[in-house]
Amino acid sequence: MMKIKHHFGVYGVCLQEGKLLCIEKTRGPYQHRFDLPGGSQELGEGLTETLKREVLEETGYTLSRYSNPRVYDVLVQEEGQDFCLRRLIERSVWVEKVK
């Protein structure tokens, strides 16, 4: 039986005026590729808190009016190992740059 490593991440689909907010990965196996802003929960943190924190840290934007949470399993193989990435995706319809 194959052993699969698991990662649970919280990511946001952030839209404003028809534009999708993305980040460019700067390190790791996905360096120079684009992804949704998000990441891992910290101890004691709720899922929405995680998303707000990660989006602010990675982009400088704050979130409001978010909805439609969904969980997706993404199965990938990287360097000969199988991974199951569980991503909670929340849709944000507004982002605002922190001044």
PDB file of N, CA and C in Angstrom:
ATOM      1  N   MET A   1       0.832  -1.179   0.000  1.00  0.00           N
ATOM      2  CA  MET A   1       0.000   0.000   0.000  1.00  0.00           C
ATOM      3  C   MET A   1       0.882   1.251   0.000  1.00  0.00           C
ATOM      4  N   MET A   2       0.485   2.234  -0.783  1.00  0.00           N
ATOM      5  CA  MET A   2       1.238   3.463  -0.934  1.00  0.00           C
ATOM      6  C   MET A   2       0.977   4.405   0.245  1.00  0.00           C
ATOM      7  N   LYS A   3       2.031   5.005   0.784  1.00  0.00           N
ATOM      8  CA  LYS A   3       1.882   5.976   1.864  1.00  0.00           C
ATOM      9  C   LYS A   3       1.807   7.376   1.254  1.00  0.00           C
ATOM     10  N   ILE A   4       0.796   8.116   1.660  1.00  0.00           N
ATOM     11  CA  ILE A   4       0.587   9.456   1.121  1.00  0.00           C
ATOM     12  C   ILE A   4       0.768  10.479   2.232  1.00  0.00           C
ATOM     13  N   LYS A   5       1.602  11.489   1.979  1.00  0.00           N
ATOM     14  CA  LYS A   5       1.759  12.590   2.925  1.00  0.00           C
ATOM     15  C   LYS A   5       0.595  13.549   2.720  1.00  0.00           C
ATOM     16  N   HIS A   6       0.109  14.121   3.820  1.00  0.00           N
ATOM     17  CA  HIS A   6      -1.030  15.030   3.754  1.00  0.00           C
ATOM     18  C   HIS A   6      -0.630  16.439   4.178  1.00  0.00           C
ATOM     19  N   HIS A   7      -1.225  17.408   3.537  1.00  0.00           N
ATOM     20  CA  HIS A   7      -1.064  18.815   3.911  1.00  0.00           C
ATOM     21  C   HIS A   7      -2.434  19.464   3.795  1.00  0.00           C
ATOM     22  N   PHE A   8      -2.848  20.201   4.815  1.00  0.00           N
ATOM     23  CA  PHE A   8      -4.112  20.938   4.756  1.00  0.00           C
ATOM     24  C   PHE A   8      -3.792  22.413   4.683  1.00  0.00           C
ATOM     25  N   GLY A   9      -4.254  23.062   3.646  1.00  0.00           N
ATOM     26  CA  GLY A   9      -4.018  24.487   3.478  1.00  0.00           C
ATOM     27  C   GLY A   9      -5.317  25.232   3.266  1.00  0.00           C
ATOM     28  N   VAL A  10      -5.314  26.500   3.617  1.00  0.00           N
ATOM     29  CA  VAL A  10      -6.470  27.370   3.438  1.00  0.00           C
ATOM     30  C   VAL A  10      -6.072  28.430   2.411  1.00  0.00           C
ATOM     31  N   TYR A  11      -6.824  28.505   1.321  1.00  0.00           N
ATOM     32  CA  TYR A  11      -6.483  29.409   0.224  1.00  0.00           C
ATOM     33  C   TYR A  11      -7.703  30.210  -0.183  1.00  0.00           C
ATOM     34  N   GLY A  12      -7.485  31.372  -0.766  1.00  0.00           N
ATOM     35  CA  GLY A  12      -8.594  32.234  -1.154  1.00  0.00           C
ATOM     36  C   GLY A  12      -8.620  32.528  -2.638  1.00  0.00           C
ATOM     37  N   VAL A  13      -9.813  32.506  -3.201  1.00  0.00           N
ATOM     38  CA  VAL A  13     -10.041  32.996  -4.556  1.00  0.00           C
ATOM     39  C   VAL A  13     -10.500  34.439  -4.378  1.00  0.00           C
ATOM     40  N   CYS A  14      -9.580  35.374  -4.567  1.00  0.00           N
ATOM     41  CA  CYS A  14      -9.834  36.784  -4.283  1.00  0.00           C
ATOM     42  C   CYS A  14     -10.039  37.530  -5.597  1.00  0.00           C
ATOM     43  N   LEU A  15     -11.244  38.042  -5.772  1.00  0.00           N
ATOM     44  CA  LEU A  15     -11.602  38.722  -7.013  1.00  0.00           C
ATOM     45  C   LEU A  15     -11.951  40.174  -6.742  1.00  0.00           C
ATOM     46  N   GLN A  16     -11.506  41.031  -7.648  1.00  0.00           N
ATOM     47  CA  GLN A  16     -11.896  42.434  -7.590  1.00  0.00           C
ATOM     48  C   GLN A  16     -11.896  42.968  -9.013  1.00  0.00           C
ATOM     49  N   GLU A  17     -13.025  43.512  -9.427  1.00  0.00           N
ATOM     50  CA  GLU A  17     -13.173  44.081 -10.767  1.00  0.00           C
ATOM     51  C   GLU A  17     -12.728  43.092 -11.843  1.00  0.00           C
ATOM     52  N   GLY A  18     -13.092  41.822 -11.668  1.00  0.00           N
ATOM     53  CA  GLY A  18     -12.786  40.796 -12.660  1.00  0.00           C
ATOM     54  C   GLY A  18     -11.353  40.296 -12.652  1.00  0.00           C
ATOM     55  N   LYS A  19     -10.551  40.721 -11.691  1.00  0.00           N
ATOM     56  CA  LYS A  19      -9.152  40.295 -11.613  1.00  0.00           C
ATOM     57  C   LYS A  19      -8.969  39.326 -10.455  1.00  0.00           C
ATOM     58  N   LEU A  20      -8.149  38.291 -10.672  1.00  0.00           N
ATOM     59  CA  LEU A  20      -7.850  37.269  -9.668  1.00  0.00           C
ATOM     60  C   LEU A  20      -6.521  37.592  -9.005  1.00  0.00           C
ATOM     61  N   LEU A  21      -6.506  37.643  -7.673  1.00  0.00           N
ATOM     62  CA  LEU A  21      -5.285  37.909  -6.920  1.00  0.00           C
ATOM     63  C   LEU A  21      -4.468  36.627  -6.807  1.00  0.00           C
ATOM     64  N   CYS A  22      -3.223  36.659  -7.289  1.00  0.00           N
ATOM     65  CA  CYS A  22      -2.318  35.500  -7.228  1.00  0.00           C
ATOM     66  C   CYS A  22      -0.990  35.935  -6.629  1.00  0.00           C
ATOM     67  N   ILE A  23      -0.245  34.946  -6.157  1.00  0.00           N
ATOM     68  CA  ILE A  23       1.117  35.194  -5.689  1.00  0.00           C
ATOM     69  C   ILE A  23       2.065  34.363  -6.541  1.00  0.00           C
ATOM     70  N   GLU A  24       3.308  34.805  -6.641  1.00  0.00           N
ATOM     71  CA  GLU A  24       4.329  34.018  -7.330  1.00  0.00           C
ATOM     72  C   GLU A  24       5.169  33.320  -6.272  1.00  0.00           C
ATOM     73  N   LYS A  25       5.290  32.004  -6.375  1.00  0.00           N
ATOM     74  CA  LYS A  25       6.099  31.229  -5.431  1.00  0.00           C
ATOM     75  C   LYS A  25       7.565  31.606  -5.617  1.00  0.00           C
ATOM     76  N   THR A  26       8.267  31.856  -4.507  1.00  0.00           N
ATOM     77  CA  THR A  26       9.660  32.297  -4.586  1.00  0.00           C
ATOM     78  C   THR A  26      10.661  31.220  -4.197  1.00  0.00           C
ATOM     79  N   ARG A  27      10.145  30.079  -3.689  1.00  0.00           N
ATOM     80  CA  ARG A  27      11.062  29.005  -3.296  1.00  0.00           C
ATOM     81  C   ARG A  27      10.332  27.666  -3.379  1.00  0.00           C
ATOM     82  N   GLY A  28      11.081  26.609  -3.170  1.00  0.00           N
ATOM     83  CA  GLY A  28      10.479  25.275  -3.180  1.00  0.00           C
ATOM     84  C   GLY A  28      10.274  24.740  -4.589  1.00  0.00           C
ATOM     85  N   PRO A  29       9.610  23.607  -4.681  1.00  0.00           N
ATOM     86  CA  PRO A  29       9.459  22.945  -5.982  1.00  0.00           C
ATOM     87  C   PRO A  29       8.564  23.712  -6.960  1.00  0.00           C
ATOM     88  N   TYR A  30       7.783  24.660  -6.462  1.00  0.00           N
ATOM     89  CA  TYR A  30       6.885  25.418  -7.335  1.00  0.00           C
ATOM     90  C   TYR A  30       7.377  26.843  -7.568  1.00  0.00           C
ATOM     91  N   GLN A  31       8.686  27.046  -7.372  1.00  0.00           N
ATOM     92  CA  GLN A  31       9.292  28.358  -7.561  1.00  0.00           C
ATOM     93  C   GLN A  31       8.964  28.891  -8.959  1.00  0.00           C
ATOM     94  N   HIS A  32       8.642  30.182  -9.042  1.00  0.00           N
ATOM     95  CA  HIS A  32       8.303  30.893 -10.281  1.00  0.00           C
ATOM     96  C   HIS A  32       6.962  30.458 -10.871  1.00  0.00           C
ATOM     97  N   ARG A  33       6.132  29.791 -10.090  1.00  0.00           N
ATOM     98  CA  ARG A  33       4.772  29.459 -10.521  1.00  0.00           C
ATOM     99  C   ARG A  33       3.795  30.290  -9.701  1.00  0.00           C
ATOM    100  N   PHE A  34       2.615  30.453 -10.231  1.00  0.00           N
ATOM    101  CA  PHE A  34       1.602  31.254  -9.551  1.00  0.00           C
ATOM    102  C   PHE A  34       0.654  30.364  -8.763  1.00  0.00           C
ATOM    103  N   ASP A  35       0.138  30.909  -7.653  1.00  0.00           N
ATOM    104  CA  ASP A  35      -0.763  30.169  -6.772  1.00  0.00           C
ATOM    105  C   ASP A  35      -1.739  31.164  -6.149  1.00  0.00           C
ATOM    106  N   LEU A  36      -2.764  30.611  -5.522  1.00  0.00           N
ATOM    107  CA  LEU A  36      -3.683  31.434  -4.740  1.00  0.00           C
ATOM    108  C   LEU A  36      -3.016  31.796  -3.418  1.00  0.00           C
ATOM    109  N   PRO A  37      -3.291  32.968  -2.863  1.00  0.00           N
ATOM    110  CA  PRO A  37      -2.740  33.287  -1.547  1.00  0.00           C
ATOM    111  C   PRO A  37      -3.361  32.394  -0.477  1.00  0.00           C
ATOM    112  N   GLY A  38      -2.544  31.978   0.473  1.00  0.00           N
ATOM    113  CA  GLY A  38      -3.032  31.130   1.561  1.00  0.00           C
ATOM    114  C   GLY A  38      -1.899  30.341   2.173  1.00  0.00           C
ATOM    115  N   GLY A  39      -2.257  29.414   3.058  1.00  0.00           N
ATOM    116  CA  GLY A  39      -1.238  28.607   3.710  1.00  0.00           C
ATOM    117  C   GLY A  39      -1.807  27.782   4.835  1.00  0.00           C
ATOM    118  N   SER A  40      -0.959  27.460   5.801  1.00  0.00           N
ATOM    119  CA  SER A  40      -1.309  26.546   6.892  1.00  0.00           C
ATOM    120  C   SER A  40      -1.832  27.283   8.118  1.00  0.00           C
ATOM    121  N   GLN A  41      -2.693  26.590   8.856  1.00  0.00           N
ATOM    122  CA  GLN A  41      -3.224  27.117  10.111  1.00  0.00           C
ATOM    123  C   GLN A  41      -2.149  27.158  11.177  1.00  0.00           C
ATOM    124  N   GLU A  42      -2.247  28.159  12.046  1.00  0.00           N
ATOM    125  CA  GLU A  42      -1.434  28.197  13.252  1.00  0.00           C
ATOM    126  C   GLU A  42      -2.279  27.654  14.397  1.00  0.00           C
ATOM    127  N   LEU A  43      -1.633  27.183  15.437  1.00  0.00           N
ATOM    128  CA  LEU A  43      -2.319  26.589  16.577  1.00  0.00           C
ATOM    129  C   LEU A  43      -3.372  27.538  17.139  1.00  0.00           C
ATOM    130  N   GLY A  44      -4.591  27.049  17.309  1.00  0.00           N
ATOM    131  CA  GLY A  44      -5.674  27.829  17.887  1.00  0.00           C
ATOM    132  C   GLY A  44      -6.352  28.796  16.934  1.00  0.00           C
ATOM    133  N   GLU A  45      -5.990  28.763  15.675  1.00  0.00           N
ATOM    134  CA  GLU A  45      -6.506  29.703  14.692  1.00  0.00           C
ATOM    135  C   GLU A  45      -7.667  29.072  13.917  1.00  0.00           C
ATOM    136  N   GLY A  46      -8.729  29.826  13.688  1.00  0.00           N
ATOM    137  CA  GLY A  46      -9.837  29.365  12.860  1.00  0.00           C
ATOM    138  C   GLY A  46      -9.470  29.440  11.383  1.00  0.00           C
ATOM    139  N   LEU A  47     -10.246  28.762  10.540  1.00  0.00           N
ATOM    140  CA  LEU A  47      -9.940  28.720   9.114  1.00  0.00           C
ATOM    141  C   LEU A  47     -10.029  30.095   8.461  1.00  0.00           C
ATOM    142  N   THR A  48     -11.044  30.867   8.801  1.00  0.00           N
ATOM    143  CA  THR A  48     -11.170  32.203   8.224  1.00  0.00           C
ATOM    144  C   THR A  48     -10.055  33.113   8.721  1.00  0.00           C
ATOM    145  N   GLU A  49      -9.685  32.979   9.993  1.00  0.00           N
ATOM    146  CA  GLU A  49      -8.549  33.751  10.533  1.00  0.00           C
ATOM    147  C   GLU A  49      -7.269  33.408   9.773  1.00  0.00           C
ATOM    148  N   THR A  50      -7.075  32.127   9.484  1.00  0.00           N
ATOM    149  CA  THR A  50      -5.898  31.693   8.727  1.00  0.00           C
ATOM    150  C   THR A  50      -5.871  32.363   7.366  1.00  0.00           C
ATOM    151  N   LEU A  51      -6.997  32.323   6.686  1.00  0.00           N
ATOM    152  CA  LEU A  51      -7.058  32.915   5.350  1.00  0.00           C
ATOM    153  C   LEU A  51      -6.769  34.413   5.388  1.00  0.00           C
ATOM    154  N   LYS A  52      -7.388  35.135   6.310  1.00  0.00           N
ATOM    155  CA  LYS A  52      -7.150  36.576   6.418  1.00  0.00           C
ATOM    156  C   LYS A  52      -5.676  36.872   6.684  1.00  0.00           C
ATOM    157  N   ARG A  53      -5.078  36.129   7.627  1.00  0.00           N
ATOM    158  CA  ARG A  53      -3.670  36.348   7.978  1.00  0.00           C
ATOM    159  C   ARG A  53      -2.758  36.058   6.794  1.00  0.00           C
ATOM    160  N   GLU A  54      -2.965  34.917   6.146  1.00  0.00           N
ATOM    161  CA  GLU A  54      -2.097  34.523   5.034  1.00  0.00           C
ATOM    162  C   GLU A  54      -2.192  35.502   3.864  1.00  0.00           C
ATOM    163  N   VAL A  55      -3.408  35.924   3.527  1.00  0.00           N
ATOM    164  CA  VAL A  55      -3.567  36.877   2.421  1.00  0.00           C
ATOM    165  C   VAL A  55      -2.875  38.191   2.759  1.00  0.00           C
ATOM    166  N   LEU A  56      -3.036  38.673   3.987  1.00  0.00           N
ATOM    167  CA  LEU A  56      -2.376  39.911   4.400  1.00  0.00           C
ATOM    168  C   LEU A  56      -0.853  39.763   4.358  1.00  0.00           C
ATOM    169  N   GLU A  57      -0.329  38.662   4.905  1.00  0.00           N
ATOM    170  CA  GLU A  57       1.122  38.441   4.920  1.00  0.00           C
ATOM    171  C   GLU A  57       1.695  38.346   3.508  1.00  0.00           C
ATOM    172  N   GLU A  58       0.999  37.645   2.628  1.00  0.00           N
ATOM    173  CA  GLU A  58       1.557  37.366   1.303  1.00  0.00           C
ATOM    174  C   GLU A  58       1.319  38.475   0.286  1.00  0.00           C
ATOM    175  N   THR A  59       0.275  39.292   0.491  1.00  0.00           N
ATOM    176  CA  THR A  59      -0.078  40.274  -0.538  1.00  0.00           C
ATOM    177  C   THR A  59      -0.204  41.701  -0.033  1.00  0.00           C
ATOM    178  N   GLY A  60      -0.402  41.879   1.280  1.00  0.00           N
ATOM    179  CA  GLY A  60      -0.652  43.216   1.810  1.00  0.00           C
ATOM    180  C   GLY A  60      -2.100  43.645   1.690  1.00  0.00           C
ATOM    181  N   TYR A  61      -2.983  42.737   1.272  1.00  0.00           N
ATOM    182  CA  TYR A  61      -4.406  43.043   1.127  1.00  0.00           C
ATOM    183  C   TYR A  61      -5.204  42.452   2.282  1.00  0.00           C
ATOM    184  N   THR A  62      -6.292  43.136   2.645  1.00  0.00           N
ATOM    185  CA  THR A  62      -7.235  42.599   3.626  1.00  0.00           C
ATOM    186  C   THR A  62      -8.457  42.065   2.886  1.00  0.00           C
ATOM    187  N   LEU A  63      -9.136  41.113   3.504  1.00  0.00           N
ATOM    188  CA  LEU A  63     -10.304  40.486   2.893  1.00  0.00           C
ATOM    189  C   LEU A  63     -11.582  40.973   3.541  1.00  0.00           C
ATOM    190  N   SER A  64     -12.631  41.004   2.759  1.00  0.00           N
ATOM    191  CA  SER A  64     -13.974  41.255   3.283  1.00  0.00           C
ATOM    192  C   SER A  64     -14.971  40.578   2.362  1.00  0.00           C
ATOM    193  N   ARG A  65     -16.162  40.387   2.855  1.00  0.00           N
ATOM    194  CA  ARG A  65     -17.255  39.775   2.096  1.00  0.00           C
ATOM    195  C   ARG A  65     -16.855  38.459   1.444  1.00  0.00           C
ATOM    196  N   TYR A  66     -16.394  37.522   2.213  1.00  0.00           N
ATOM    197  CA  TYR A  66     -16.007  36.214   1.674  1.00  0.00           C
ATOM    198  C   TYR A  66     -17.148  35.227   1.856  1.00  0.00           C
ATOM    199  N   SER A  67     -17.148  34.207   1.000  1.00  0.00           N
ATOM    200  CA  SER A  67     -18.242  33.234   1.020  1.00  0.00           C
ATOM    201  C   SER A  67     -17.847  31.964   0.280  1.00  0.00           C
ATOM    202  N   ASN A  68     -18.765  31.026   0.221  1.00  0.00           N
ATOM    203  CA  ASN A  68     -18.650  29.787  -0.552  1.00  0.00           C
ATOM    204  C   ASN A  68     -17.440  28.923  -0.203  1.00  0.00           C
ATOM    205  N   PRO A  69     -17.234  28.590   1.079  1.00  0.00           N
ATOM    206  CA  PRO A  69     -16.096  27.714   1.390  1.00  0.00           C
ATOM    207  C   PRO A  69     -16.295  26.328   0.787  1.00  0.00           C
ATOM    208  N   ARG A  70     -15.236  25.782   0.223  1.00  0.00           N
ATOM    209  CA  ARG A  70     -15.244  24.445  -0.370  1.00  0.00           C
ATOM    210  C   ARG A  70     -13.929  23.763  -0.016  1.00  0.00           C
ATOM    211  N   VAL A  71     -13.963  22.447   0.117  1.00  0.00           N
ATOM    212  CA  VAL A  71     -12.738  21.687   0.370  1.00  0.00           C
ATOM    213  C   VAL A  71     -12.470  20.807  -0.841  1.00  0.00           C
ATOM    214  N   TYR A  72     -11.248  20.863  -1.341  1.00  0.00           N
ATOM    215  CA  TYR A  72     -10.833  20.066  -2.487  1.00  0.00           C
ATOM    216  C   TYR A  72      -9.618  19.239  -2.107  1.00  0.00           C
ATOM    217  N   ASP A  73      -9.564  17.995  -2.570  1.00  0.00           N
ATOM    218  CA  ASP A  73      -8.367  17.169  -2.445  1.00  0.00           C
ATOM    219  C   ASP A  73      -7.618  17.227  -3.768  1.00  0.00           C
ATOM    220  N   VAL A  74      -6.348  17.555  -3.711  1.00  0.00           N
ATOM    221  CA  VAL A  74      -5.507  17.608  -4.898  1.00  0.00           C
ATOM    222  C   VAL A  74      -4.409  16.571  -4.706  1.00  0.00           C
ATOM    223  N   LEU A  75      -4.381  15.556  -5.548  1.00  0.00           N
ATOM    224  CA  LEU A  75      -3.363  14.511  -5.448  1.00  0.00           C
ATOM    225  C   LEU A  75      -2.235  14.837  -6.412  1.00  0.00           C
ATOM    226  N   VAL A  76      -1.022  14.907  -5.886  1.00  0.00           N
ATOM    227  CA  VAL A  76       0.145  15.222  -6.713  1.00  0.00           C
ATOM    228  C   VAL A  76       1.277  14.266  -6.382  1.00  0.00           C
ATOM    229  N   GLN A  77       2.206  14.142  -7.319  1.00  0.00           N
ATOM    230  CA  GLN A  77       3.411  13.363  -7.064  1.00  0.00           C
ATOM    231  C   GLN A  77       4.590  14.302  -7.251  1.00  0.00           C
ATOM    232  N   GLU A  78       5.455  14.311  -6.263  1.00  0.00           N
ATOM    233  CA  GLU A  78       6.588  15.218  -6.269  1.00  0.00           C
ATOM    234  C   GLU A  78       7.819  14.455  -5.810  1.00  0.00           C
ATOM    235  N   GLU A  79       8.844  14.466  -6.627  1.00  0.00           N
ATOM    236  CA  GLU A  79      10.094  13.777  -6.306  1.00  0.00           C
ATOM    237  C   GLU A  79       9.841  12.335  -5.881  1.00  0.00           C
ATOM    238  N   GLY A  80       8.939  11.659  -6.595  1.00  0.00           N
ATOM    239  CA  GLY A  80       8.667  10.247  -6.339  1.00  0.00           C
ATOM    240  C   GLY A  80       7.778   9.963  -5.152  1.00  0.00           C
ATOM    241  N   GLN A  81       7.306  10.983  -4.457  1.00  0.00           N
ATOM    242  CA  GLN A  81       6.417  10.790  -3.309  1.00  0.00           C
ATOM    243  C   GLN A  81       5.022  11.292  -3.654  1.00  0.00           C
ATOM    244  N   ASP A  82       4.005  10.619  -3.122  1.00  0.00           N
ATOM    245  CA  ASP A  82       2.629  11.029  -3.340  1.00  0.00           C
ATOM    246  C   ASP A  82       2.173  11.934  -2.203  1.00  0.00           C
ATOM    247  N   PHE A  83       1.485  12.996  -2.546  1.00  0.00           N
ATOM    248  CA  PHE A  83       0.960  13.946  -1.573  1.00  0.00           C
ATOM    249  C   PHE A  83      -0.529  14.136  -1.806  1.00  0.00           C
ATOM    250  N   CYS A  84      -1.257  14.327  -0.734  1.00  0.00           N
ATOM    251  CA  CYS A  84      -2.657  14.732  -0.819  1.00  0.00           C
ATOM    252  C   CYS A  84      -2.743  16.113  -0.183  1.00  0.00           C
ATOM    253  N   LEU A  85      -3.015  17.107  -0.991  1.00  0.00           N
ATOM    254  CA  LEU A  85      -3.156  18.469  -0.487  1.00  0.00           C
ATOM    255  C   LEU A  85      -4.634  18.738  -0.287  1.00  0.00           C
ATOM    256  N   ARG A  86      -5.032  18.983   0.924  1.00  0.00           N
ATOM    257  CA  ARG A  86      -6.425  19.356   1.185  1.00  0.00           C
ATOM    258  C   ARG A  86      -6.469  20.867   1.274  1.00  0.00           C
ATOM    259  N   ARG A  87      -7.228  21.457   0.412  1.00  0.00           N
ATOM    260  CA  ARG A  87      -7.300  22.909   0.358  1.00  0.00           C
ATOM    261  C   ARG A  87      -8.714  23.364   0.641  1.00  0.00           C
ATOM    262  N   LEU A  88      -8.855  24.218   1.626  1.00  0.00           N
ATOM    263  CA  LEU A  88     -10.133  24.885   1.853  1.00  0.00           C
ATOM    264  C   LEU A  88     -10.069  26.181   1.062  1.00  0.00           C
ATOM    265  N   ILE A  89     -10.970  26.327   0.134  1.00  0.00           N
ATOM    266  CA  ILE A  89     -10.993  27.511  -0.710  1.00  0.00           C
ATOM    267  C   ILE A  89     -12.178  28.375  -0.291  1.00  0.00           C
ATOM    268  N   GLU A  90     -11.916  29.628   0.005  1.00  0.00           N
ATOM    269  CA  GLU A  90     -12.996  30.575   0.268  1.00  0.00           C
ATOM    270  C   GLU A  90     -12.941  31.636  -0.821  1.00  0.00           C
ATOM    271  N   ARG A  91     -14.093  32.040  -1.261  1.00  0.00           N
ATOM    272  CA  ARG A  91     -14.162  33.049  -2.312  1.00  0.00           C
ATOM    273  C   ARG A  91     -14.341  34.418  -1.679  1.00  0.00           C
ATOM    274  N   SER A  92     -13.420  35.301  -1.979  1.00  0.00           N
ATOM    275  CA  SER A  92     -13.516  36.675  -1.501  1.00  0.00           C
ATOM    276  C   SER A  92     -13.895  37.565  -2.678  1.00  0.00           C
ATOM    277  N   VAL A  93     -14.866  38.420  -2.469  1.00  0.00           N
ATOM    278  CA  VAL A  93     -15.295  39.279  -3.563  1.00  0.00           C
ATOM    279  C   VAL A  93     -14.724  40.694  -3.450  1.00  0.00           C
ATOM    280  N   TRP A  94     -13.917  40.931  -2.440  1.00  0.00           N
ATOM    281  CA  TRP A  94     -13.337  42.263  -2.293  1.00  0.00           C
ATOM    282  C   TRP A  94     -12.029  42.179  -1.536  1.00  0.00           C
ATOM    283  N   VAL A  95     -11.023  42.858  -2.039  1.00  0.00           N
ATOM    284  CA  VAL A  95      -9.758  42.988  -1.316  1.00  0.00           C
ATOM    285  C   VAL A  95      -9.391  44.465  -1.280  1.00  0.00           C
ATOM    286  N   GLU A  96      -8.704  44.846  -0.226  1.00  0.00           N
ATOM    287  CA  GLU A  96      -8.317  46.242  -0.069  1.00  0.00           C
ATOM    288  C   GLU A  96      -6.874  46.300   0.399  1.00  0.00           C
ATOM    289  N   LYS A  97      -6.067  47.122  -0.244  1.00  0.00           N
ATOM    290  CA  LYS A  97      -4.660  47.261   0.109  1.00  0.00           C
ATOM    291  C   LYS A  97      -4.535  47.937   1.467  1.00  0.00           C
ATOM    292  N   VAL A  98      -3.704  47.349   2.345  1.00  0.00           N
ATOM    293  CA  VAL A  98      -3.435  47.940   3.655  1.00  0.00           C
ATOM    294  C   VAL A  98      -2.463  49.095   3.453  1.00  0.00           C
ATOM    295  N   LYS A  99      -2.769  50.228   4.054  1.00  0.00           N
ATOM    296  CA  LYS A  99      -1.933  51.425   3.856  1.00  0.00           C
ATOM    297  C   LYS A  99      -0.816  51.498   4.845  1.00  0.00           C
TER     298      LYS A  99
END
